[in-house]
Amino acid sequence: MTETSAEDVVRRLSKRPGYRLATYREVGLPFWEVPIRCRLLRKKSVGVLDEFILKCIQADLRNSTDVAKFLGIPEQVVHATMGKLVNTGSLAAVATNTSSIHYAVTEHGQKVLSDLAEITPEERTLRLAYDGLARTYTVVEKAMRWRPRDLRQNDILEVPAFPVDPPSVGPKDTSDIGSALRSVTETAEHELLTVMGLDGKREKFFVRAISLVFQSVDRPEEIHVSFAIDGRVSEQHDLAFAKAEGLRKVGIIGQITDGDSPESLLNDELLKQRTDESEVAAIRRTTERYRAQLSALEERAAVASHELREELVDEAAETARRLDEAETALGSIPVRVLEVHEHAPLLVRAMLSSSKRLLIISPWIRAAIVDRTFLDNLRRLLISGVEVVIGYGIGDDKSARERDRQAEHQLERLAAEFENFVFTRLGDTHAKILISDDSYAIVTSFNWLSFRGDPNRPFRDERGTMITIRAEIDRLYDDYLARVKQRPAQG
């Protein structure tokens, strides 16, 4: 899941009536692959009623009246089924001396009955997935399965199963497993008679998802977690997580409102200038609408005829112009709340478009963010003469792994190579600041250089404040530049 796609998913799913999105996290939802020993019966080529009627005719019940009486079902039902069997070649109508019509089983019908007699149950081991949250059996494609070590290598948080133990399997599970087996290709021609039990080791795996943590607007203590798999909300997992008291077990309750508020870095007069959230939300909805329209027009243009394509391209250009205007209006608001899903795109924008100065203050550095792309973009900024300042560090950061330390060393080497790059470990910073040129300053709870690379970080409210007032941008820049320069630069 790329950063862009993750952010697109979060932005699209960030609206929930009565709630606001506090934070999000990429997670792994727990599953087990379970080898199940089953007794199966190959599905018959004809229905039950067809089979009984053929057997009745074979037993000298020659007409629909006699068959209906014997089976105890309405004659019109029998008559209709016999007509179908005649059409398929299993029965043939035979005229009699009494001008009535009798029926006889054809050679094809005899073969059908012979095949039915040979169908016997068979045992087979089938592998199904067991959902550790929803506690149901299902089918999960191999391409969607992640091993525990894959999650660890990609810094993705594991959501625990509730309960934590893998499932036991027995006859009591026949109904649930039968429902899941209906979608398994290899058993499409079989019916499940009974589950016998386990036939091997249960292997744990995970399915990647995005967890979105919402906080009630009116009751801050009320938290809701939603899960998106492959870009779509999974209500089944939302309900299962809530039912299992996942908020408490994962430790989300109590974390959202804990910690220092970034607003403490801003003066009261500045906070008073913050635009009303409903007004900002209205502009944001406008940008979302234009963005969705533009995407739809581009998809239509890609498959349209030449004549229609030109019309769609013109319409897309006009929509893109309106989108730019809406985004410009949003970006020019002097002081506004910045939603959590807006942060990562603004970091990318700063890395790509800063022309004079860039300042980043972030407690932690993780290789998942400070990757090759980040370093290449940073080098381009430095070569072009942009003044770059990065201050980081809080405590001894024992959770940093070797590749995180390598990312830190890469930044140290760049600082030694370029005089216009100041890279300093502060050691005690809780601040999360981003400043790009004179365009904007962001004061937030969002960890700029570790947000996608620290599965152990708390579930904090990660909204921020975006400021476009030049004097305030300069004040914040000067304050943090002075603090960074008080410490010896790395290198």
Protein backbone atom coordinates (compact mmCIF):
# COMPACT_ATOMS: atom_id res chain seq x y z
CA MET A 1 0.00 0.00 0.00
CA THR A 2 1.70 3.19 -1.13
CA GLU A 3 1.68 6.42 0.85
CA THR A 4 -0.45 8.08 -1.81
CA SER A 5 -3.02 5.32 -1.88
CA ALA A 6 -3.15 5.17 1.93
CA GLU A 7 -3.69 8.91 2.17
CA ASP A 8 -6.33 8.78 -0.57
CA VAL A 9 -8.19 6.06 1.32
CA VAL A 10 -8.02 7.98 4.61
CA ARG A 11 -9.18 11.22 2.99
CA ARG A 12 -12.09 9.48 1.28
CA LEU A 13 -13.20 7.68 4.45
CA SER A 14 -12.50 10.48 6.94
CA LYS A 15 -16.12 11.66 7.20
CA ARG A 16 -18.32 10.18 9.90
CA PRO A 17 -21.41 12.09 11.12
CA GLY A 18 -20.94 13.41 14.64
CA TYR A 19 -17.26 12.40 14.72
CA ARG A 20 -13.93 13.71 13.55
CA LEU A 21 -10.92 11.69 12.48
CA ALA A 22 -8.29 11.87 15.23
CA THR A 23 -5.63 9.59 13.76
CA TYR A 24 -5.09 6.59 11.52
CA ARG A 25 -2.67 3.69 11.41
CA GLU A 26 -1.77 0.94 8.97
CA VAL A 27 -2.41 -2.38 10.73
CA GLY A 28 -2.45 -6.13 10.18
CA LEU A 29 -5.72 -7.93 10.95
CA PRO A 30 -5.20 -11.43 12.42
CA PHE A 31 -6.08 -14.66 10.60
CA TRP A 32 -5.11 -18.31 10.75
CA GLU A 33 -4.83 -20.76 7.89
CA VAL A 34 -6.60 -23.85 9.18
CA PRO A 35 -6.24 -27.35 7.63
CA ILE A 36 -9.66 -29.00 8.05
CA ARG A 37 -10.40 -32.68 7.53
CA CYS A 38 -13.86 -32.93 5.98
CA ARG A 39 -16.24 -35.55 4.64
CA LEU A 40 -17.62 -34.39 1.28
CA LEU A 41 -20.21 -35.66 -1.17
CA ARG A 42 -19.93 -34.84 -4.83
CA LYS A 43 -22.94 -32.82 -5.93
CA LYS A 44 -25.47 -34.77 -7.97
CA SER A 45 -26.08 -33.90 -11.58
CA VAL A 46 -29.83 -33.63 -11.01
CA GLY A 47 -32.00 -32.26 -8.21
CA VAL A 48 -33.55 -34.38 -5.49
CA LEU A 49 -37.05 -34.24 -7.02
CA ASP A 50 -35.69 -35.17 -10.47
CA GLU A 51 -33.92 -38.16 -8.94
CA PHE A 52 -37.01 -39.43 -7.11
CA ILE A 53 -39.26 -39.07 -10.14
CA LEU A 54 -36.80 -41.00 -12.33
CA LYS A 55 -36.70 -43.77 -9.71
CA CYS A 56 -40.50 -43.82 -9.53
CA ILE A 57 -40.81 -44.22 -13.32
CA GLN A 58 -38.15 -46.93 -13.22
CA ALA A 59 -40.29 -48.68 -10.57
CA ASP A 60 -43.32 -48.80 -12.95
CA LEU A 61 -45.18 -45.73 -11.71
CA ARG A 62 -45.90 -44.65 -15.26
CA ASN A 63 -47.73 -41.34 -15.08
CA SER A 64 -47.71 -38.11 -13.13
CA THR A 65 -50.85 -38.99 -11.16
CA ASP A 66 -49.33 -42.19 -9.75
CA VAL A 67 -46.00 -40.50 -9.00
CA ALA A 68 -47.71 -37.56 -7.26
CA LYS A 69 -49.74 -39.90 -5.06
CA PHE A 70 -46.66 -41.94 -4.15
CA LEU A 71 -44.50 -38.91 -3.30
CA GLY A 72 -47.34 -36.97 -1.67
CA ILE A 73 -46.76 -33.77 -3.63
CA PRO A 74 -49.04 -31.78 -6.00
CA GLU A 75 -49.50 -33.37 -9.41
CA GLN A 76 -48.77 -30.08 -11.23
CA VAL A 77 -45.31 -30.01 -9.63
CA VAL A 78 -44.62 -33.56 -10.77
CA HIS A 79 -46.01 -32.85 -14.24
CA ALA A 80 -43.73 -29.84 -14.67
CA THR A 81 -40.65 -31.75 -13.50
CA MET A 82 -41.44 -34.69 -15.80
CA GLY A 83 -41.73 -32.27 -18.71
CA LYS A 84 -38.26 -30.95 -17.88
CA LEU A 85 -36.88 -34.50 -17.75
CA VAL A 86 -38.38 -35.20 -21.17
CA ASN A 87 -36.69 -32.09 -22.55
CA THR A 88 -33.31 -33.18 -21.15
CA GLY A 89 -33.69 -36.68 -22.62
CA SER A 90 -33.99 -38.56 -19.33
CA LEU A 91 -37.67 -39.52 -19.85
CA ALA A 92 -39.64 -40.40 -22.97
CA ALA A 93 -43.42 -40.22 -23.46
CA VAL A 94 -44.95 -43.54 -24.62
CA ALA A 95 -48.44 -43.83 -26.18
CA THR A 96 -50.76 -46.65 -24.95
CA ASN A 97 -53.83 -48.45 -26.31
CA THR A 98 -56.00 -46.41 -23.96
CA SER A 99 -54.85 -43.16 -25.60
CA SER A 100 -53.21 -42.10 -22.29
CA ILE A 101 -49.51 -41.29 -22.08
CA HIS A 102 -47.07 -43.20 -19.95
CA TYR A 103 -43.44 -42.40 -19.35
CA ALA A 104 -40.32 -44.52 -19.59
CA VAL A 105 -36.74 -43.93 -18.49
CA THR A 106 -34.48 -43.47 -21.52
CA GLU A 107 -30.97 -44.80 -21.95
CA HIS A 108 -29.69 -41.37 -20.91
CA GLY A 109 -31.95 -41.48 -17.85
CA GLN A 110 -30.60 -44.93 -16.93
CA LYS A 111 -27.07 -43.56 -17.08
CA VAL A 112 -28.04 -40.64 -14.82
CA LEU A 113 -29.47 -43.08 -12.26
CA SER A 114 -26.39 -45.28 -12.53
CA ASP A 115 -24.08 -42.31 -11.90
CA LEU A 116 -26.16 -41.27 -8.90
CA ALA A 117 -25.81 -44.75 -7.42
CA GLU A 118 -22.02 -44.54 -7.66
CA ILE A 119 -21.72 -41.26 -5.70
CA THR A 120 -20.18 -42.00 -2.31
CA PRO A 121 -18.74 -39.72 0.40
CA GLU A 122 -15.02 -38.94 0.36
CA GLU A 123 -12.60 -37.43 2.85
CA ARG A 124 -10.41 -34.47 2.00
CA THR A 125 -8.26 -31.90 3.80
CA LEU A 126 -9.20 -28.32 2.92
CA ARG A 127 -7.45 -25.12 3.95
CA LEU A 128 -9.60 -22.21 5.03
CA ALA A 129 -8.82 -18.90 6.70
CA TYR A 130 -10.17 -18.15 10.16
CA ASP A 131 -10.73 -14.48 10.95
CA GLY A 132 -9.26 -13.73 14.39
CA LEU A 133 -11.51 -10.68 14.89
CA ALA A 134 -14.79 -11.64 13.24
CA ARG A 135 -14.31 -15.28 14.36
CA THR A 136 -15.62 -16.67 11.11
CA TYR A 137 -14.23 -18.95 8.42
CA THR A 138 -13.55 -17.33 5.09
CA VAL A 139 -11.36 -17.40 2.00
CA VAL A 140 -8.32 -15.08 1.72
CA GLU A 141 -6.26 -14.91 -1.44
CA LYS A 142 -2.57 -15.76 -1.08
CA ALA A 143 -1.57 -12.34 -2.41
CA MET A 144 -3.32 -10.63 0.53
CA ARG A 145 -1.56 -12.67 3.22
CA TRP A 146 1.25 -11.18 5.26
CA ARG A 147 3.40 -13.15 7.69
CA PRO A 148 4.12 -11.69 11.15
CA ARG A 149 7.70 -10.96 10.16
CA ASP A 150 6.50 -9.12 7.03
CA LEU A 151 4.54 -6.74 9.27
CA ARG A 152 7.53 -6.23 11.54
CA GLN A 153 9.82 -5.49 8.60
CA ASN A 154 7.34 -2.92 7.28
CA ASP A 155 6.62 -1.34 10.69
CA ILE A 156 2.93 -2.27 10.60
CA LEU A 157 1.00 -2.65 13.85
CA GLU A 158 -0.43 -6.09 14.60
CA VAL A 159 -4.02 -6.10 15.83
CA PRO A 160 -4.39 -9.00 18.27
CA ALA A 161 -6.95 -11.71 17.78
CA PHE A 162 -9.84 -11.90 20.25
CA PRO A 163 -9.45 -14.48 21.76
CA VAL A 164 -5.72 -14.82 21.16
CA ASP A 165 -5.72 -18.60 20.68
CA PRO A 166 -6.24 -20.21 17.25
CA PRO A 167 -9.57 -21.95 16.67
CA SER A 168 -10.30 -25.57 17.50
CA VAL A 169 -12.21 -27.40 14.79
CA GLY A 170 -14.86 -30.10 15.04
CA PRO A 171 -18.30 -31.26 13.86
CA LYS A 172 -19.92 -28.27 15.60
CA ASP A 173 -18.31 -26.02 12.96
CA THR A 174 -19.84 -27.85 9.99
CA SER A 175 -22.46 -25.19 9.25
CA ASP A 176 -20.04 -22.23 9.43
CA ILE A 177 -17.37 -23.99 7.42
CA GLY A 178 -19.96 -25.14 4.87
CA SER A 179 -20.91 -21.51 4.22
CA ALA A 180 -17.29 -20.56 3.57
CA LEU A 181 -16.66 -23.59 1.36
CA ARG A 182 -19.31 -22.49 -1.10
CA SER A 183 -16.82 -19.97 -2.47
CA VAL A 184 -13.90 -22.41 -2.73
CA THR A 185 -13.38 -23.50 -6.32
CA GLU A 186 -11.99 -26.92 -5.50
CA THR A 187 -15.18 -27.86 -3.64
CA ALA A 188 -17.63 -26.28 -6.08
CA GLU A 189 -18.76 -29.75 -7.16
CA HIS A 190 -19.04 -31.10 -3.62
CA GLU A 191 -21.29 -30.66 -0.64
CA LEU A 192 -19.96 -30.71 2.92
CA LEU A 193 -21.39 -33.54 4.97
CA THR A 194 -19.42 -33.03 8.17
CA VAL A 195 -16.24 -31.55 9.61
CA MET A 196 -14.08 -34.19 11.22
CA GLY A 197 -11.37 -32.03 12.81
CA LEU A 198 -7.93 -30.47 12.35
CA ASP A 199 -5.42 -32.10 10.04
CA GLY A 200 -2.19 -30.24 10.70
CA LYS A 201 -0.74 -27.03 12.08
CA ARG A 202 -2.64 -23.73 12.09
CA GLU A 203 -0.49 -20.97 10.58
CA LYS A 204 -1.06 -17.36 11.58
CA PHE A 205 -1.05 -14.60 8.98
CA PHE A 206 -2.36 -11.05 8.61
CA VAL A 207 -4.32 -8.97 6.14
CA ARG A 208 -3.19 -5.36 5.78
CA ALA A 209 -5.76 -2.69 6.57
CA ILE A 210 -6.01 0.93 7.65
CA SER A 211 -7.50 1.68 11.05
CA LEU A 212 -9.24 5.04 11.33
CA VAL A 213 -9.77 6.32 14.87
CA PHE A 214 -12.72 8.70 15.23
CA GLN A 215 -13.56 10.86 18.24
CA SER A 216 -17.04 12.14 19.01
CA VAL A 217 -17.42 15.89 18.53
CA ASP A 218 -19.75 16.24 21.53
CA ARG A 219 -18.35 13.49 23.78
CA PRO A 220 -14.54 13.33 23.44
CA GLU A 221 -14.40 10.17 25.53
CA GLU A 222 -16.44 8.31 22.88
CA ILE A 223 -14.06 6.67 20.38
CA HIS A 224 -14.88 4.57 17.32
CA VAL A 225 -12.40 2.54 15.27
CA SER A 226 -13.11 1.67 11.65
CA PHE A 227 -11.10 -0.68 9.42
CA ALA A 228 -10.60 -0.33 5.68
CA ILE A 229 -9.41 -3.36 3.71
CA ASP A 230 -8.32 -2.78 0.14
CA GLY A 231 -9.83 0.71 0.31
CA ARG A 232 -13.27 -0.38 1.54
CA VAL A 233 -14.72 -0.16 5.05
CA SER A 234 -15.21 -3.56 6.67
CA GLU A 235 -18.21 -3.17 8.96
CA GLN A 236 -17.77 -6.79 10.01
CA HIS A 237 -14.39 -5.97 11.56
CA ASP A 238 -15.60 -2.66 13.01
CA LEU A 239 -18.35 -4.48 14.92
CA ALA A 240 -16.13 -7.37 15.97
CA PHE A 241 -13.45 -4.99 17.31
CA ALA A 242 -16.04 -3.01 19.28
CA LYS A 243 -17.69 -6.16 20.63
CA ALA A 244 -14.33 -7.52 21.79
CA GLU A 245 -13.58 -4.24 23.61
CA GLY A 246 -10.66 -3.71 21.27
CA LEU A 247 -10.34 -0.04 22.25
CA ARG A 248 -9.40 -1.05 25.78
CA LYS A 249 -7.31 -4.08 24.86
CA VAL A 250 -5.23 -2.25 22.24
CA GLY A 251 -4.90 0.72 24.60
CA ILE A 252 -6.57 3.36 22.45
CA ILE A 253 -8.82 4.61 25.26
CA GLY A 254 -6.94 7.21 27.26
CA GLN A 255 -4.27 7.80 24.60
CA ILE A 256 -6.21 10.10 22.26
CA THR A 257 -6.34 13.04 24.66
CA ASP A 258 -3.06 12.31 26.47
CA GLY A 259 0.12 14.24 25.77
CA ASP A 260 1.03 17.85 25.24
CA SER A 261 -1.24 19.99 23.09
CA PRO A 262 0.58 21.62 20.15
CA GLU A 263 -1.58 24.70 20.72
CA SER A 264 0.64 25.58 23.68
CA LEU A 265 3.23 26.72 21.13
CA LEU A 266 0.82 29.33 19.73
CA ASN A 267 -0.33 32.53 21.42
CA ASP A 268 -3.99 33.18 22.24
CA GLU A 269 -4.30 36.01 19.71
CA LEU A 270 -3.23 33.71 16.92
CA LEU A 271 -5.63 30.95 18.00
CA LYS A 272 -8.48 33.48 17.99
CA GLN A 273 -7.82 34.02 14.29
CA ARG A 274 -8.36 30.35 13.53
CA THR A 275 -11.14 30.02 10.97
CA ASP A 276 -14.30 28.25 12.09
CA GLU A 277 -14.02 24.53 11.42
CA SER A 278 -17.40 24.37 9.65
CA GLU A 279 -16.24 26.97 7.12
CA VAL A 280 -13.01 25.07 6.52
CA ALA A 281 -14.96 21.82 6.20
CA ALA A 282 -17.19 23.37 3.53
CA ILE A 283 -14.17 24.38 1.43
CA ARG A 284 -12.63 20.97 1.99
CA ARG A 285 -15.82 19.28 0.77
CA THR A 286 -15.67 21.42 -2.36
CA THR A 287 -12.13 20.27 -3.09
CA GLU A 288 -13.15 16.66 -2.52
CA ARG A 289 -16.08 17.02 -4.91
CA TYR A 290 -13.91 18.52 -7.66
CA ARG A 291 -11.23 15.89 -7.07
CA ALA A 292 -13.78 13.08 -7.44
CA GLN A 293 -15.26 14.68 -10.56
CA LEU A 294 -11.82 15.07 -12.10
CA SER A 295 -10.95 11.44 -11.42
CA ALA A 296 -14.23 10.25 -12.98
CA LEU A 297 -13.73 12.43 -16.07
CA GLU A 298 -10.19 11.13 -16.56
CA GLU A 299 -11.39 7.52 -16.33
CA ARG A 300 -14.16 8.17 -18.87
CA ALA A 301 -11.78 9.97 -21.24
CA ALA A 302 -9.36 7.04 -21.19
CA VAL A 303 -11.93 4.72 -22.84
CA ALA A 304 -14.06 7.21 -24.80
CA SER A 305 -14.21 7.66 -28.57
CA HIS A 306 -12.03 10.36 -30.15
CA GLU A 307 -14.90 12.84 -30.48
CA LEU A 308 -16.16 12.33 -26.93
CA ARG A 309 -12.63 12.30 -25.52
CA GLU A 310 -11.98 15.87 -26.63
CA GLU A 311 -15.16 17.02 -24.90
CA LEU A 312 -14.24 15.13 -21.71
CA VAL A 313 -10.68 16.51 -21.74
CA ASP A 314 -12.05 20.06 -21.95
CA GLU A 315 -14.45 19.36 -19.09
CA ALA A 316 -11.63 17.83 -17.05
CA ALA A 317 -9.46 20.91 -17.64
CA GLU A 318 -12.24 23.16 -16.34
CA THR A 319 -12.75 20.91 -13.31
CA ALA A 320 -9.00 20.94 -12.64
CA ARG A 321 -9.05 24.75 -12.75
CA ARG A 322 -11.87 24.86 -10.20
CA LEU A 323 -10.04 22.34 -8.02
CA ASP A 324 -6.93 24.53 -8.08
CA GLU A 325 -9.03 27.54 -7.05
CA ALA A 326 -10.62 25.62 -4.17
CA GLU A 327 -7.25 24.30 -2.98
CA THR A 328 -5.78 27.80 -3.21
CA ALA A 329 -8.67 29.14 -1.13
CA LEU A 330 -8.07 26.42 1.45
CA GLY A 331 -4.34 27.06 1.50
CA SER A 332 -4.71 30.81 1.90
CA ILE A 333 -6.76 30.69 5.11
CA PRO A 334 -4.58 32.51 7.70
CA VAL A 335 -5.05 30.01 10.54
CA ARG A 336 -6.97 26.77 10.31
CA VAL A 337 -7.25 23.29 11.75
CA LEU A 338 -5.30 20.74 9.72
CA GLU A 339 -6.87 17.28 9.58
CA VAL A 340 -4.62 14.29 10.18
CA HIS A 341 -4.87 13.02 6.59
CA GLU A 342 -3.68 16.39 5.23
CA HIS A 343 -0.24 16.19 6.85
CA ALA A 344 1.58 13.63 4.71
CA PRO A 345 0.72 15.33 1.37
CA LEU A 346 1.94 18.65 2.78
CA LEU A 347 5.24 17.06 3.79
CA VAL A 348 5.64 15.72 0.26
CA ARG A 349 4.74 19.13 -1.15
CA ALA A 350 7.34 20.79 1.08
CA MET A 351 10.02 18.34 -0.02
CA LEU A 352 9.23 18.92 -3.69
CA SER A 353 8.51 22.65 -3.86
CA SER A 354 10.38 24.51 -1.12
CA SER A 355 12.63 27.10 -2.78
CA LYS A 356 14.15 29.10 0.11
CA ARG A 357 13.84 27.32 3.43
CA LEU A 358 12.53 24.13 5.00
CA LEU A 359 12.34 23.36 8.71
CA ILE A 360 11.24 20.06 10.21
CA ILE A 361 11.07 19.34 13.94
CA SER A 362 10.15 15.76 14.78
CA PRO A 363 10.87 13.61 17.86
CA TRP A 364 11.73 10.45 15.95
CA ILE A 365 13.32 9.42 12.66
CA ARG A 366 12.23 6.20 10.98
CA ALA A 367 13.48 4.60 7.80
CA ALA A 368 9.92 4.09 6.58
CA ILE A 369 9.75 7.89 6.05
CA VAL A 370 13.40 8.86 5.61
CA ASP A 371 13.78 6.44 2.72
CA ARG A 372 15.61 6.69 -0.60
CA THR A 373 12.94 8.94 -2.12
CA PHE A 374 13.04 11.30 0.87
CA LEU A 375 16.84 11.47 0.77
CA ASP A 376 16.91 12.07 -2.98
CA ASN A 377 14.37 14.90 -2.67
CA LEU A 378 16.35 16.38 0.21
CA ARG A 379 19.57 16.27 -1.81
CA ARG A 380 17.87 18.08 -4.70
CA LEU A 381 16.73 20.82 -2.32
CA LEU A 382 20.22 21.20 -0.93
CA ILE A 383 21.83 21.31 -4.36
CA SER A 384 19.37 24.05 -5.37
CA GLY A 385 20.47 26.13 -2.36
CA VAL A 386 17.46 25.68 -0.06
CA GLU A 387 18.29 26.20 3.62
CA VAL A 388 17.19 23.02 5.40
CA VAL A 389 16.91 22.57 9.16
CA ILE A 390 15.96 19.28 10.84
CA GLY A 391 15.80 19.02 14.62
CA TYR A 392 14.89 15.70 16.19
CA GLY A 393 15.25 13.42 19.16
CA ILE A 394 13.53 12.66 22.41
CA GLY A 395 15.10 10.44 25.05
CA ASP A 396 17.42 7.64 23.94
CA ASP A 397 14.90 6.21 21.41
CA LYS A 398 15.52 2.57 22.34
CA SER A 399 12.81 1.45 19.91
CA ALA A 400 14.90 2.57 16.92
CA ARG A 401 16.15 -0.36 14.87
CA GLU A 402 19.31 -0.63 12.83
CA ARG A 403 17.73 0.59 9.62
CA ASP A 404 16.28 3.60 11.50
CA ARG A 405 19.77 4.42 12.74
CA GLN A 406 21.06 4.03 9.18
CA ALA A 407 18.49 6.60 8.02
CA GLU A 408 19.77 8.94 10.75
CA HIS A 409 23.37 8.36 9.59
CA GLN A 410 22.36 9.16 6.00
CA LEU A 411 21.09 12.54 7.18
CA GLU A 412 24.30 13.11 9.14
CA ARG A 413 26.35 12.48 6.01
CA LEU A 414 24.26 14.97 4.04
CA ALA A 415 24.74 17.54 6.79
CA ALA A 416 28.50 17.04 6.57
CA GLU A 417 28.37 17.45 2.79
CA PHE A 418 26.15 20.56 2.58
CA GLU A 419 26.70 23.75 4.56
CA ASN A 420 23.06 24.74 4.00
CA PHE A 421 21.81 21.69 5.95
CA VAL A 422 21.61 21.88 9.75
CA PHE A 423 20.83 18.49 11.30
CA THR A 424 20.73 18.43 15.09
CA ARG A 425 19.65 16.02 17.77
CA LEU A 426 17.72 18.02 20.36
CA GLY A 427 17.13 15.11 22.70
CA ASP A 428 14.07 16.52 24.44
CA THR A 429 11.71 17.75 21.76
CA HIS A 430 8.00 16.99 21.86
CA ALA A 431 7.36 19.56 19.12
CA LYS A 432 6.27 18.62 15.62
CA ILE A 433 6.81 21.57 13.28
CA LEU A 434 6.92 21.92 9.49
CA ILE A 435 7.77 25.23 7.78
CA SER A 436 8.07 25.63 4.02
CA ASP A 437 9.36 28.96 2.64
CA ASP A 438 6.95 31.77 3.49
CA SER A 439 4.03 29.57 2.46
CA TYR A 440 3.00 27.88 5.68
CA ALA A 441 3.97 26.73 9.14
CA ILE A 442 2.31 23.74 10.75
CA VAL A 443 2.25 23.08 14.49
CA THR A 444 0.85 19.63 15.19
CA SER A 445 0.90 16.30 17.04
CA PHE A 446 1.72 14.51 13.79
CA ASN A 447 5.17 12.91 13.80
CA TRP A 448 6.63 14.15 10.52
CA LEU A 449 9.53 11.73 10.20
CA SER A 450 8.09 8.60 11.83
CA PHE A 451 4.33 8.52 11.21
CA ARG A 452 4.53 5.46 8.97
CA GLY A 453 7.46 3.78 10.63
CA ASP A 454 6.59 3.41 14.29
CA PRO A 455 3.94 0.79 15.09
CA ASN A 456 4.48 1.39 18.81
CA ARG A 457 3.57 5.07 18.79
CA PRO A 458 0.48 6.00 20.86
CA PHE A 459 -2.89 6.68 19.28
CA ARG A 460 -2.81 10.47 19.73
CA ASP A 461 -5.10 13.15 18.34
CA GLU A 462 -2.91 14.10 15.38
CA ARG A 463 -4.71 17.13 14.05
CA GLY A 464 -2.66 20.32 13.76
CA THR A 465 -2.83 24.04 13.08
CA MET A 466 -1.72 25.46 9.72
CA ILE A 467 -0.59 29.10 9.62
CA THR A 468 -0.05 31.20 6.49
CA ILE A 469 0.63 34.56 8.25
CA ARG A 470 4.14 35.61 7.24
CA ALA A 471 5.07 37.22 10.57
CA GLU A 472 4.05 34.12 12.53
CA ILE A 473 5.87 31.82 10.10
CA ASP A 474 9.02 33.90 10.59
CA ARG A 475 8.62 33.86 14.38
CA LEU A 476 8.34 30.08 14.55
CA TYR A 477 11.20 29.62 12.12
CA ASP A 478 13.51 31.97 14.02
CA ASP A 479 12.60 30.42 17.39
CA TYR A 480 13.35 26.86 16.31
CA LEU A 481 16.39 27.77 14.22
CA ALA A 482 17.89 29.44 17.29
CA ARG A 483 17.13 26.39 19.41
CA VAL A 484 18.65 24.02 16.86
CA LYS A 485 21.79 26.12 16.57
CA GLN A 486 22.25 26.04 20.34
CA ARG A 487 23.00 22.33 19.99
CA PRO A 488 26.06 20.98 18.15
CA ALA A 489 25.18 19.89 14.61
CA GLN A 490 25.48 16.21 13.72
CA GLY A 491 28.21 15.03 11.46
